[in-house]
C-alpha atoms as a PDB file:
ATOM      1  CA  MET A   1     109.266 104.780 108.999  1.00  0.00           C
ATOM      2  CA  ILE A   2     105.752 104.446 107.587  1.00  0.00           C
ATOM      3  CA  ASP A   3     103.178 106.806 109.128  1.00  0.00           C
ATOM      4  CA  GLN A   4      99.396 106.622 109.241  1.00  0.00           C
ATOM      5  CA  GLU A   5      99.200 109.708 107.015  1.00  0.00           C
ATOM      6  CA  SER A   6     100.402 107.649 104.041  1.00  0.00           C
ATOM      7  CA  SER A   7      97.335 105.389 104.202  1.00  0.00           C
ATOM      8  CA  TYR A   8      93.838 106.025 102.879  1.00  0.00           C
ATOM      9  CA  PHE A   9      92.516 104.705 106.163  1.00  0.00           C
ATOM     10  CA  TYR A  10      93.767 103.370 109.462  1.00  0.00           C
ATOM     11  CA  TYR A  11      92.074 101.884 112.507  1.00  0.00           C
ATOM     12  CA  PRO A  12      93.308  99.970 115.579  1.00  0.00           C
ATOM     13  CA  THR A  13      93.756  96.263 114.827  1.00  0.00           C
ATOM     14  CA  THR A  14      94.348  93.072 116.773  1.00  0.00           C
ATOM     15  CA  THR A  15      97.639  91.285 117.385  1.00  0.00           C
ATOM     16  CA  VAL A  16      97.564  87.497 117.757  1.00  0.00           C
ATOM     17  CA  ILE A  17     100.364  85.973 119.861  1.00  0.00           C
ATOM     18  CA  ILE A  18     100.958  82.213 120.132  1.00  0.00           C
ATOM     19  CA  ASP A  19     103.271  80.718 122.749  1.00  0.00           C
ATOM     20  CA  ASP A  20     102.923  77.568 124.859  1.00  0.00           C
ATOM     21  CA  ARG A  21     104.161  79.294 128.043  1.00  0.00           C
ATOM     22  CA  LYS A  22     101.345  81.046 129.911  1.00  0.00           C
ATOM     23  CA  GLU A  23     103.692  83.020 132.175  1.00  0.00           C
ATOM     24  CA  PHE A  24     105.452  84.504 129.157  1.00  0.00           C
ATOM     25  CA  LEU A  25     102.150  85.430 127.461  1.00  0.00           C
ATOM     26  CA  ASP A  26     100.796  87.027 130.647  1.00  0.00           C
ATOM     27  CA  SER A  27     103.954  89.084 131.061  1.00  0.00           C
ATOM     28  CA  LEU A  28     103.931  90.107 127.388  1.00  0.00           C
ATOM     29  CA  ILE A  29     100.270  91.162 127.464  1.00  0.00           C
ATOM     30  CA  LEU A  30     100.830  93.268 130.581  1.00  0.00           C
ATOM     31  CA  SER A  31     103.830  94.995 129.040  1.00  0.00           C
ATOM     32  CA  LEU A  32     102.059  95.678 125.705  1.00  0.00           C
ATOM     33  CA  ASN A  33      98.967  96.974 127.503  1.00  0.00           C
ATOM     34  CA  LEU A  34     101.069  99.359 129.572  1.00  0.00           C
ATOM     35  CA  GLN A  35     102.682 100.665 126.385  1.00  0.00           C
ATOM     36  CA  GLY A  36      99.276 101.302 124.829  1.00  0.00           C
ATOM     37  CA  ASP A  37      98.505  98.194 122.766  1.00  0.00           C
ATOM     38  CA  LYS A  38      95.361  96.704 124.317  1.00  0.00           C
ATOM     39  CA  LEU A  39      94.098  94.750 121.288  1.00  0.00           C
ATOM     40  CA  VAL A  40      95.982  91.506 121.868  1.00  0.00           C
ATOM     41  CA  ARG A  41      94.609  87.963 121.496  1.00  0.00           C
ATOM     42  CA  THR A  42      96.763  85.108 122.833  1.00  0.00           C
ATOM     43  CA  PHE A  43      96.789  81.337 122.341  1.00  0.00           C
ATOM     44  CA  LEU A  44      98.656  78.560 124.121  1.00  0.00           C
ATOM     45  CA  ASP A  45      97.512  76.004 121.551  1.00  0.00           C
ATOM     46  CA  PRO A  46      98.576  76.617 117.916  1.00  0.00           C
ATOM     47  CA  MET A  47      95.710  74.459 116.614  1.00  0.00           C
ATOM     48  CA  GLN A  48      93.166  76.707 118.327  1.00  0.00           C
ATOM     49  CA  ALA A  49      94.942  79.728 116.846  1.00  0.00           C
ATOM     50  CA  LEU A  50      94.702  78.211 113.352  1.00  0.00           C
ATOM     51  CA  THR A  51      90.968  77.713 113.771  1.00  0.00           C
ATOM     52  CA  TYR A  52      90.579  81.294 114.982  1.00  0.00           C
ATOM     53  CA  LEU A  53      92.534  82.731 112.043  1.00  0.00           C
ATOM     54  CA  GLU A  54      90.637  80.623 109.514  1.00  0.00           C
ATOM     55  CA  ASN A  55      87.417  82.286 110.682  1.00  0.00           C
ATOM     56  CA  GLN A  56      88.780  85.809 110.404  1.00  0.00           C
ATOM     57  CA  ASN A  57      87.876  87.927 107.381  1.00  0.00           C
ATOM     58  CA  SER A  58      89.455  91.205 106.398  1.00  0.00           C
ATOM     59  CA  ILE A  59      86.683  93.810 106.295  1.00  0.00           C
ATOM     60  CA  TYR A  60      88.366  95.805 103.547  1.00  0.00           C
ATOM     61  CA  LYS A  61      89.167  92.679 101.499  1.00  0.00           C
ATOM     62  CA  ASN A  62      90.421  93.228  97.949  1.00  0.00           C
ATOM     63  CA  TYR A  63      91.424  96.733  96.903  1.00  0.00           C
ATOM     64  CA  GLN A  64      89.224  96.382  93.809  1.00  0.00           C
ATOM     65  CA  ASN A  65      86.209  96.814  96.118  1.00  0.00           C
ATOM     66  CA  TYR A  66      87.276 100.441  96.526  1.00  0.00           C
ATOM     67  CA  LEU A  67      87.547 101.214  92.824  1.00  0.00           C
ATOM     68  CA  GLU A  68      84.856 102.436  90.480  1.00  0.00           C
ATOM     69  CA  VAL A  69      85.515 101.826  86.795  1.00  0.00           C
ATOM     70  CA  ILE A  70      84.565 104.801  84.659  1.00  0.00           C
ATOM     71  CA  ASN A  71      81.847 103.800  82.211  1.00  0.00           C
ATOM     72  CA  GLY A  72      81.800 104.469  78.494  1.00  0.00           C
ATOM     73  CA  ILE A  73      85.450 103.691  77.785  1.00  0.00           C
ATOM     74  CA  GLU A  74      86.364 100.648  75.752  1.00  0.00           C
ATOM     75  CA  THR A  75      89.434  98.916  77.112  1.00  0.00           C
ATOM     76  CA  ASP A  76      90.722  95.443  77.803  1.00  0.00           C
ATOM     77  CA  SER A  77      90.790  93.976  81.307  1.00  0.00           C
ATOM     78  CA  ASP A  78      94.517  94.657  81.757  1.00  0.00           C
ATOM     79  CA  ASP A  79      93.943  98.411  81.500  1.00  0.00           C
ATOM     80  CA  ARG A  80      90.789  98.731  83.578  1.00  0.00           C
ATOM     81  CA  ASP A  81      92.739  99.952  86.628  1.00  0.00           C
ATOM     82  CA  LYS A  82      94.029 102.892  84.643  1.00  0.00           C
ATOM     83  CA  ILE A  83      90.529 104.297  84.083  1.00  0.00           C
ATOM     84  CA  SER A  84      89.234 103.812  87.616  1.00  0.00           C
ATOM     85  CA  LYS A  85      88.633 106.182  90.478  1.00  0.00           C
ATOM     86  CA  ILE A  86      88.448 105.523  94.183  1.00  0.00           C
ATOM     87  CA  ARG A  87      85.013 104.912  95.688  1.00  0.00           C
ATOM     88  CA  PHE A  88      85.603 107.043  98.771  1.00  0.00           C
ATOM     89  CA  ASN A  89      82.191 106.283 100.256  1.00  0.00           C
ATOM     90  CA  SER A  90      83.409 102.685 100.658  1.00  0.00           C
ATOM     91  CA  ILE A  91      86.231 104.054 102.796  1.00  0.00           C
ATOM     92  CA  TYR A  92      84.512 106.584 105.042  1.00  0.00           C
ATOM     93  CA  THR A  93      81.682 104.134 105.844  1.00  0.00           C
ATOM     94  CA  LEU A  94      84.129 101.524 107.183  1.00  0.00           C
ATOM     95  CA  PRO A  95      83.503 102.730 110.771  1.00  0.00           C
ATOM     96  CA  TYR A  96      79.959 101.376 110.467  1.00  0.00           C
ATOM     97  CA  ASP A  97      81.482  97.908 110.812  1.00  0.00           C
ATOM     98  CA  LYS A  98      81.720  97.489 114.568  1.00  0.00           C
ATOM     99  CA  LYS A  99      83.982  94.439 114.168  1.00  0.00           C
ATOM    100  CA  ARG A 100      86.785  96.360 112.487  1.00  0.00           C
ATOM    101  CA  TYR A 101      89.017  96.303 115.598  1.00  0.00           C
ATOM    102  CA  ASN A 102      88.948  92.488 115.485  1.00  0.00           C
ATOM    103  CA  GLU A 103      90.920  92.574 112.246  1.00  0.00           C
ATOM    104  CA  VAL A 104      94.194  90.681 112.738  1.00  0.00           C
ATOM    105  CA  SER A 105      97.056  92.718 111.293  1.00  0.00           C
ATOM    106  CA  VAL A 106     100.039  91.035 113.021  1.00  0.00           C
ATOM    107  CA  ILE A 107     100.643  87.424 114.079  1.00  0.00           C
ATOM    108  CA  VAL A 108     103.450  86.630 116.516  1.00  0.00           C
ATOM    109  CA  VAL A 109     104.472  82.981 117.012  1.00  0.00           C
ATOM    110  CA  ASP A 110     107.122  81.339 119.171  1.00  0.00           C
ATOM    111  CA  TYR A 111     109.399  79.019 117.219  1.00  0.00           C
ATOM    112  CA  PHE A 112     109.785  76.267 119.815  1.00  0.00           C
ATOM    113  CA  MET A 113     106.416  74.716 120.715  1.00  0.00           C
ATOM    114  CA  PRO A 114     105.761  70.986 121.290  1.00  0.00           C
ATOM    115  CA  GLN A 115     102.712  70.637 119.034  1.00  0.00           C
ATOM    116  CA  MET A 116     103.996  72.643 116.080  1.00  0.00           C
ATOM    117  CA  ASN A 117     107.001  74.892 115.648  1.00  0.00           C
ATOM    118  CA  GLY A 118     106.523  78.494 114.558  1.00  0.00           C
ATOM    119  CA  ILE A 119     107.814  78.044 111.024  1.00  0.00           C
ATOM    120  CA  ASP A 120     105.435  75.150 110.350  1.00  0.00           C
ATOM    121  CA  PHE A 121     102.623  77.293 111.754  1.00  0.00           C
ATOM    122  CA  PHE A 122     103.403  80.118 109.336  1.00  0.00           C
ATOM    123  CA  LYS A 123     103.492  77.656 106.435  1.00  0.00           C
ATOM    124  CA  LYS A 124      99.858  76.811 107.223  1.00  0.00           C
ATOM    125  CA  ILE A 125      98.769  80.476 107.142  1.00  0.00           C
ATOM    126  CA  LYS A 126     100.889  81.604 104.206  1.00  0.00           C
ATOM    127  CA  GLY A 127      97.898  83.238 102.517  1.00  0.00           C
ATOM    128  CA  VAL A 128      96.809  85.287 105.538  1.00  0.00           C
ATOM    129  CA  PRO A 129      97.552  88.986 104.784  1.00  0.00           C
ATOM    130  CA  ALA A 130      98.635  89.803 108.358  1.00  0.00           C
ATOM    131  CA  LYS A 131     102.270  90.624 109.100  1.00  0.00           C
ATOM    132  CA  LYS A 132     104.131  87.680 110.603  1.00  0.00           C
ATOM    133  CA  ILE A 133     106.765  87.762 113.373  1.00  0.00           C
ATOM    134  CA  LEU A 134     108.711  84.769 114.686  1.00  0.00           C
ATOM    135  CA  LEU A 135     109.964  84.723 118.292  1.00  0.00           C
ATOM    136  CA  THR A 136     113.093  82.639 118.534  1.00  0.00           C
ATOM    137  CA  GLY A 137     116.161  81.867 120.628  1.00  0.00           C
ATOM    138  CA  ASN A 138     119.755  82.459 119.571  1.00  0.00           C
ATOM    139  CA  ALA A 139     120.147  78.781 118.697  1.00  0.00           C
ATOM    140  CA  ASP A 140     117.422  79.048 116.042  1.00  0.00           C
ATOM    141  CA  TYR A 141     118.781  82.225 114.434  1.00  0.00           C
ATOM    142  CA  GLU A 142     119.723  80.585 111.111  1.00  0.00           C
ATOM    143  CA  LEU A 143     116.298  78.970 110.798  1.00  0.00           C
ATOM    144  CA  ALA A 144     114.669  82.340 111.360  1.00  0.00           C
ATOM    145  CA  VAL A 145     116.851  84.006 108.721  1.00  0.00           C
ATOM    146  CA  ARG A 146     115.956  81.282 106.230  1.00  0.00           C
ATOM    147  CA  ALA A 147     112.240  81.683 106.957  1.00  0.00           C
ATOM    148  CA  PHE A 148     112.583  85.440 106.398  1.00  0.00           C
ATOM    149  CA  ASN A 149     114.447  84.974 103.124  1.00  0.00           C
ATOM    150  CA  ASP A 150     111.812  82.482 101.976  1.00  0.00           C
ATOM    151  CA  GLY A 151     109.058  85.031 102.604  1.00  0.00           C
ATOM    152  CA  LEU A 152     107.357  83.001 105.342  1.00  0.00           C
ATOM    153  CA  ILE A 153     107.812  85.736 107.936  1.00  0.00           C
ATOM    154  CA  ASP A 154     108.211  89.508 107.855  1.00  0.00           C
ATOM    155  CA  ASN A 155     110.520  89.720 110.849  1.00  0.00           C
ATOM    156  CA  PHE A 156     111.960  87.735 113.733  1.00  0.00           C
ATOM    157  CA  ILE A 157     112.805  88.803 117.265  1.00  0.00           C
ATOM    158  CA  ILE A 158     115.248  87.051 119.580  1.00  0.00           C
ATOM    159  CA  LYS A 159     113.626  86.214 122.922  1.00  0.00           C
ATOM    160  CA  GLU A 160     115.807  87.995 125.421  1.00  0.00           C
ATOM    161  CA  GLU A 161     115.573  90.813 127.948  1.00  0.00           C
ATOM    162  CA  GLY A 162     113.593  93.720 126.515  1.00  0.00           C
ATOM    163  CA  VAL A 163     111.699  91.559 124.001  1.00  0.00           C
ATOM    164  CA  ALA A 164     108.377  93.285 124.873  1.00  0.00           C
ATOM    165  CA  GLU A 165     109.768  96.729 124.006  1.00  0.00           C
ATOM    166  CA  LYS A 166     111.203  95.485 120.713  1.00  0.00           C
ATOM    167  CA  LEU A 167     107.946  93.758 119.902  1.00  0.00           C
ATOM    168  CA  PHE A 168     105.858  96.864 120.663  1.00  0.00           C
ATOM    169  CA  GLU A 169     107.994  98.987 118.335  1.00  0.00           C
ATOM    170  CA  THR A 170     107.757  96.379 115.570  1.00  0.00           C
ATOM    171  CA  LEU A 171     103.993  96.012 116.030  1.00  0.00           C
ATOM    172  CA  ASN A 172     103.440  99.747 115.575  1.00  0.00           C
ATOM    173  CA  SER A 173     105.502  99.779 112.401  1.00  0.00           C
ATOM    174  CA  PHE A 174     103.820  96.687 110.968  1.00  0.00           C
ATOM    175  CA  LYS A 175     100.296  97.883 111.758  1.00  0.00           C
ATOM    176  CA  ASN A 176     100.999 101.060 109.828  1.00  0.00           C
ATOM    177  CA  SER A 177     102.524  99.178 106.901  1.00  0.00           C
ATOM    178  CA  TYR A 178      99.551  96.777 106.884  1.00  0.00           C
ATOM    179  CA  PHE A 179      97.308  99.650 105.741  1.00  0.00           C
ATOM    180  CA  HIS A 180     100.027 101.449 103.793  1.00  0.00           C
ATOM    181  CA  GLU A 181     100.591  98.478 101.470  1.00  0.00           C
ATOM    182  CA  PHE A 182      96.868  98.342 100.761  1.00  0.00           C
ATOM    183  CA  SER A 183      96.873 102.070 100.012  1.00  0.00           C
ATOM    184  CA  GLU A 184      99.823 101.666  97.640  1.00  0.00           C
ATOM    185  CA  LYS A 185      97.582  99.551  95.408  1.00  0.00           C
ATOM    186  CA  LEU A 186      95.032 102.346  95.309  1.00  0.00           C
ATOM    187  CA  LEU A 187      97.734 104.935  94.625  1.00  0.00           C
ATOM    188  CA  HIS A 188      98.665 102.848  91.587  1.00  0.00           C
ATOM    189  CA  VAL A 189      95.422 103.930  89.923  1.00  0.00           C
ATOM    190  CA  PHE A 190      94.667 107.212  91.686  1.00  0.00           C
ATOM    191  CA  ASP A 191      97.431 109.656  92.529  1.00  0.00           C
ATOM    192  CA  LYS A 192      97.024 113.427  92.505  1.00  0.00           C
ATOM    193  CA  GLY A 193     100.413 113.772  94.179  1.00  0.00           C
ATOM    194  CA  ILE A 194      98.787 114.578  97.530  1.00  0.00           C
ATOM    195  CA  MET A 195      99.175 111.437  99.619  1.00  0.00           C
ATOM    196  CA  LYS A 196     102.956 111.281  99.268  1.00  0.00           C
ATOM    197  CA  ALA A 197     103.615 115.036  99.489  1.00  0.00           C
ATOM    198  CA  ILE A 198     105.380 116.225 102.636  1.00  0.00           C
ATOM    199  CA  GLN A 199     103.133 119.302 102.690  1.00  0.00           C
ATOM    200  CA  TYR A 200     100.061 117.087 103.090  1.00  0.00           C
ATOM    201  CA  THR A 201     101.538 114.526 105.482  1.00  0.00           C
ATOM    202  CA  SER A 202     102.786 117.354 107.724  1.00  0.00           C
ATOM    203  CA  ILE A 203      99.303 118.889 107.982  1.00  0.00           C
ATOM    204  CA  ALA A 204      97.757 115.454 108.566  1.00  0.00           C
ATOM    205  CA  SER A 205     100.320 114.797 111.311  1.00  0.00           C
ATOM    206  CA  VAL A 206      99.456 118.087 113.040  1.00  0.00           C
ATOM    207  CA  TRP A 207      95.742 117.212 112.811  1.00  0.00           C
ATOM    208  CA  ARG A 208      96.284 113.759 114.302  1.00  0.00           C
ATOM    209  CA  SER A 209      98.373 115.176 117.134  1.00  0.00           C
ATOM    210  CA  LYS A 210      96.159 118.179 117.912  1.00  0.00           C
ATOM    211  CA  CYS A 211      92.904 116.190 117.824  1.00  0.00           C
ATOM    212  CA  LYS A 212      94.402 112.990 119.312  1.00  0.00           C
ATOM    213  CA  ILE A 213      93.252 110.939 116.328  1.00  0.00           C
ATOM    214  CA  LEU A 214      93.280 107.149 116.787  1.00  0.00           C
ATOM    215  CA  GLU A 215      91.729 106.183 113.448  1.00  0.00           C
ATOM    216  CA  HIS A 216      91.050 107.978 110.180  1.00  0.00           C
ATOM    217  CA  TYR A 217      89.311 107.430 106.839  1.00  0.00           C
ATOM    218  CA  GLN A 218      89.930 109.523 103.720  1.00  0.00           C
ATOM    219  CA  CYS A 219      86.789 111.101 102.254  1.00  0.00           C
ATOM    220  CA  ASP A 220      87.866 112.615  98.936  1.00  0.00           C
ATOM    221  CA  GLY A 221      90.684 113.047  96.456  1.00  0.00           C
ATOM    222  CA  ASN A 222      91.891 116.246  98.144  1.00  0.00           C
ATOM    223  CA  GLY A 223      92.864 114.319 101.286  1.00  0.00           C
ATOM    224  CA  SER A 224      89.949 115.285 103.560  1.00  0.00           C
ATOM    225  CA  CYS A 225      89.587 112.779 106.393  1.00  0.00           C
ATOM    226  CA  LEU A 226      87.038 111.579 108.909  1.00  0.00           C
ATOM    227  CA  GLY A 227      88.731 110.774 112.202  1.00  0.00           C
ATOM    228  CA  PHE A 228      87.922 109.617 115.726  1.00  0.00           C
ATOM    229  CA  ASP A 229      89.809 110.783 118.791  1.00  0.00           C
ATOM    230  CA  ASN A 230      90.676 108.835 121.934  1.00  0.00           C
ATOM    231  CA  THR A 231      87.168 109.412 123.314  1.00  0.00           C
ATOM    232  CA  GLY A 232      85.393 108.279 120.150  1.00  0.00           C
ATOM    233  CA  ALA A 233      84.393 111.830 119.154  1.00  0.00           C
ATOM    234  CA  ILE A 234      84.276 112.730 115.462  1.00  0.00           C
ATOM    235  CA  CYS A 235      87.026 115.006 114.134  1.00  0.00           C
ATOM    236  CA  TRP A 236      87.596 116.153 110.561  1.00  0.00           C
ATOM    237  CA  LEU A 237      90.497 117.274 108.428  1.00  0.00           C
ATOM    238  CA  LEU A 238      88.757 119.216 105.648  1.00  0.00           C
ATOM    239  CA  ILE A 239      90.624 120.227 102.508  1.00  0.00           C
ATOM    240  CA  CYS A 240      89.415 122.313  99.576  1.00  0.00           C
ATOM    241  CA  SER A 241      91.516 123.129  96.532  1.00  0.00           C
ATOM    242  CA  ASP A 242      91.878 126.678  95.242  1.00  0.00           C
ATOM    243  CA  LYS A 243      90.385 125.482  91.947  1.00  0.00           C
ATOM    244  CA  ASP A 244      87.286 124.106  93.687  1.00  0.00           C
ATOM    245  CA  LEU A 245      86.978 127.265  95.784  1.00  0.00           C
ATOM    246  CA  HIS A 246      86.902 129.458  92.686  1.00  0.00           C
ATOM    247  CA  ASN A 247      84.309 127.215  91.077  1.00  0.00           C
ATOM    248  CA  TYR A 248      82.160 127.615  94.203  1.00  0.00           C
ATOM    249  CA  ILE A 249      82.644 131.404  94.062  1.00  0.00           C
ATOM    250  CA  ASN A 250      81.442 131.478  90.465  1.00  0.00           C
ATOM    251  CA  SER A 251      78.376 129.444  91.388  1.00  0.00           C
ATOM    252  CA  ALA A 252      77.659 131.676  94.391  1.00  0.00           C
ATOM    253  CA  GLU A 253      77.914 134.857  92.330  1.00  0.00           C
ATOM    254  CA  ASN A 254      75.285 133.499  89.974  1.00  0.00           C
ATOM    255  CA  ALA A 255      72.833 133.110  92.883  1.00  0.00           C
ATOM    256  CA  ASP A 256      71.083 136.361  93.857  1.00  0.00           C
ATOM    257  CA  GLU A 257      70.703 135.495  97.557  1.00  0.00           C
ATOM    258  CA  SER A 258      74.318 134.416  98.095  1.00  0.00           C
ATOM    259  CA  SER A 259      76.398 137.623  98.317  1.00  0.00           C
ATOM    260  CA  SER A 260      77.582 136.985 101.900  1.00  0.00           C
ATOM    261  CA  ILE A 261      78.616 133.439 101.020  1.00  0.00           C
ATOM    262  CA  SER A 262      80.493 134.658  97.958  1.00  0.00           C
ATOM    263  CA  ASP A 263      82.285 137.347  99.987  1.00  0.00           C
ATOM    264  CA  GLU A 264      83.500 134.867 102.628  1.00  0.00           C
ATOM    265  CA  LEU A 265      84.828 132.539  99.956  1.00  0.00           C
ATOM    266  CA  LYS A 266      86.564 135.398  98.132  1.00  0.00           C
ATOM    267  CA  LEU A 267      88.244 136.538 101.350  1.00  0.00           C
ATOM    268  CA  GLU A 268      89.492 132.961 101.837  1.00  0.00           C
ATOM    269  CA  THR A 269      88.266 132.950 105.429  1.00  0.00           C
ATOM    270  CA  LYS A 270      86.112 129.855 104.923  1.00  0.00           C
ATOM    271  CA  LEU A 271      86.173 126.750 102.761  1.00  0.00           C
ATOM    272  CA  LEU A 272      83.343 124.570 101.499  1.00  0.00           C
ATOM    273  CA  PHE A 273      83.145 120.847 102.147  1.00  0.00           C
ATOM    274  CA  PHE A 274      80.571 118.400 100.813  1.00  0.00           C
ATOM    275  CA  LEU A 275      80.828 114.790 101.927  1.00  0.00           C
ATOM    276  CA  THR A 276      78.504 113.240  99.329  1.00  0.00           C
ATOM    277  CA  GLU A 277      77.659 113.802  95.692  1.00  0.00           C
ATOM    278  CA  LYS A 278      74.097 114.599  96.772  1.00  0.00           C
ATOM    279  CA  GLU A 279      75.331 117.429  98.994  1.00  0.00           C
ATOM    280  CA  LYS A 280      77.221 118.935  96.061  1.00  0.00           C
ATOM    281  CA  LEU A 281      73.855 119.470  94.330  1.00  0.00           C
ATOM    282  CA  LEU A 282      72.494 121.647  97.153  1.00  0.00           C
ATOM    283  CA  PRO A 283      71.449 125.190  96.211  1.00  0.00           C
ATOM    284  CA  VAL A 284      73.831 127.961  97.217  1.00  0.00           C
ATOM    285  CA  SER A 285      71.353 129.178  99.831  1.00  0.00           C
ATOM    286  CA  LYS A 286      72.039 125.974 101.823  1.00  0.00           C
ATOM    287  CA  TRP A 287      75.826 126.134 101.673  1.00  0.00           C
ATOM    288  CA  GLU A 288      76.290 127.950 104.975  1.00  0.00           C
ATOM    289  CA  LYS A 289      76.320 124.824 107.152  1.00  0.00           C
ATOM    290  CA  HIS A 290      78.988 123.327 104.882  1.00  0.00           C
ATOM    291  CA  MET A 291      81.363 126.279 105.319  1.00  0.00           C
ATOM    292  CA  PHE A 292      84.196 126.126 107.873  1.00  0.00           C
ATOM    293  CA  PRO A 293      86.955 128.532 108.984  1.00  0.00           C
ATOM    294  CA  ILE A 294      90.204 128.107 107.061  1.00  0.00           C
ATOM    295  CA  GLU A 295      93.094 127.178 109.339  1.00  0.00           C
ATOM    296  CA  GLY A 296      95.845 127.484 106.746  1.00  0.00           C
ATOM    297  CA  ASP A 297      96.948 126.461 103.289  1.00  0.00           C
ATOM    298  CA  PHE A 298      99.640 124.507 101.443  1.00  0.00           C
ATOM    299  CA  THR A 299     100.737 124.090  97.830  1.00  0.00           C
ATOM    300  CA  ILE A 300     101.437 120.879  95.899  1.00  0.00           C
ATOM    301  CA  ASN A 301     102.454 120.852  92.232  1.00  0.00           C
ATOM    302  CA  ASN A 302     101.475 124.526  91.903  1.00  0.00           C
ATOM    303  CA  GLU A 303      97.971 123.748  93.222  1.00  0.00           C
ATOM    304  CA  LYS A 304      96.914 125.595  96.376  1.00  0.00           C
ATOM    305  CA  TYR A 305      94.841 123.820  99.059  1.00  0.00           C
ATOM    306  CA  PHE A 306      93.052 125.220 102.107  1.00  0.00           C
ATOM    307  CA  TYR A 307      92.463 123.159 105.224  1.00  0.00           C
ATOM    308  CA  SER A 308      90.326 123.247 108.359  1.00  0.00           C
ATOM    309  CA  PHE A 309      90.205 121.191 111.560  1.00  0.00           C
ATOM    310  CA  VAL A 310      86.596 120.597 112.621  1.00  0.00           C
ATOM    311  CA  GLN A 311      85.430 118.775 115.740  1.00  0.00           C
ATOM    312  CA  ASN A 312      82.049 117.496 116.914  1.00  0.00           C
ATOM    313  CA  GLU A 313      80.314 117.961 113.549  1.00  0.00           C
ATOM    314  CA  LYS A 314      78.373 115.115 111.885  1.00  0.00           C
ATOM    315  CA  LEU A 315      78.758 116.369 108.279  1.00  0.00           C
ATOM    316  CA  GLY A 316      76.612 113.595 106.833  1.00  0.00           C
ATOM    317  CA  ILE A 317      77.887 110.805 109.098  1.00  0.00           C
ATOM    318  CA  LYS A 318      75.319 109.060 111.304  1.00  0.00           C
ATOM    319  CA  PRO A 319      77.036 108.635 114.710  1.00  0.00           C
ATOM    320  CA  GLU A 320      74.217 106.428 116.020  1.00  0.00           C
ATOM    321  CA  LEU A 321      75.357 103.729 113.584  1.00  0.00           C
ATOM    322  CA  LEU A 322      79.017 103.916 114.596  1.00  0.00           C
END
């Protein structure tokens, strides 16, 4: 099963459901809402749904928008990905887009509708990146299998008792994979072995559970994340590598006024976290507000990392814009 921890970012998204029976849609919405999925948009008319989907734009768009090509290296266009790094500020500023929850990540369509059957509907939206689920009866099973094998749909669910529960489980999985597949493209060009390591995903899972995280956005290559809990409050997973910590210690020792800061870093009781490149240029005397208690550590590929869970701190984010 794909988890949110394997994605560079994740936020709640909208499910679009199309069925010509209002009673069925009303029942399905109620059931999904009770199970926790409240971002559902329904349509009785497939033509109206097509118009709606045509006007939807993915806010994260192409993964190339999150890459920064390193200058000064001569290479052909086929190799440009190999000399790129992730533009993390394009990720952790995504929450500034207040329309992000409107993003359609899953489309569910009933096969049998008088105006247009579900398979024909999916043919018209073949290029839409959302995951596609066909609702069908037993009599249409072979058609559904063929549509799946042809790549028109990602899954199909037989309409029978318990369909809402099956759909809810599938929606959760598909919404995670929607962001995971995007992140896989970024991992193709930027992989320090952190994102896929069980040591990291375990810590991220504890953070999400402890802080009740509903959405998260990675802030740096160490795996630090900006998150929001179920009340909208800011929560952070801060990670600092042992290598970075020692570099900070060396810098602190070269500053006359920084003995207390150096001592805390040496004792490994606190880590340093800078959100922006500008913050990294701050003098040592101003580091104190960027230091946070270390909660624990983990090791990946012989590299040690320290982590901290921090709540209700802005750390360079402007909450008034969120």
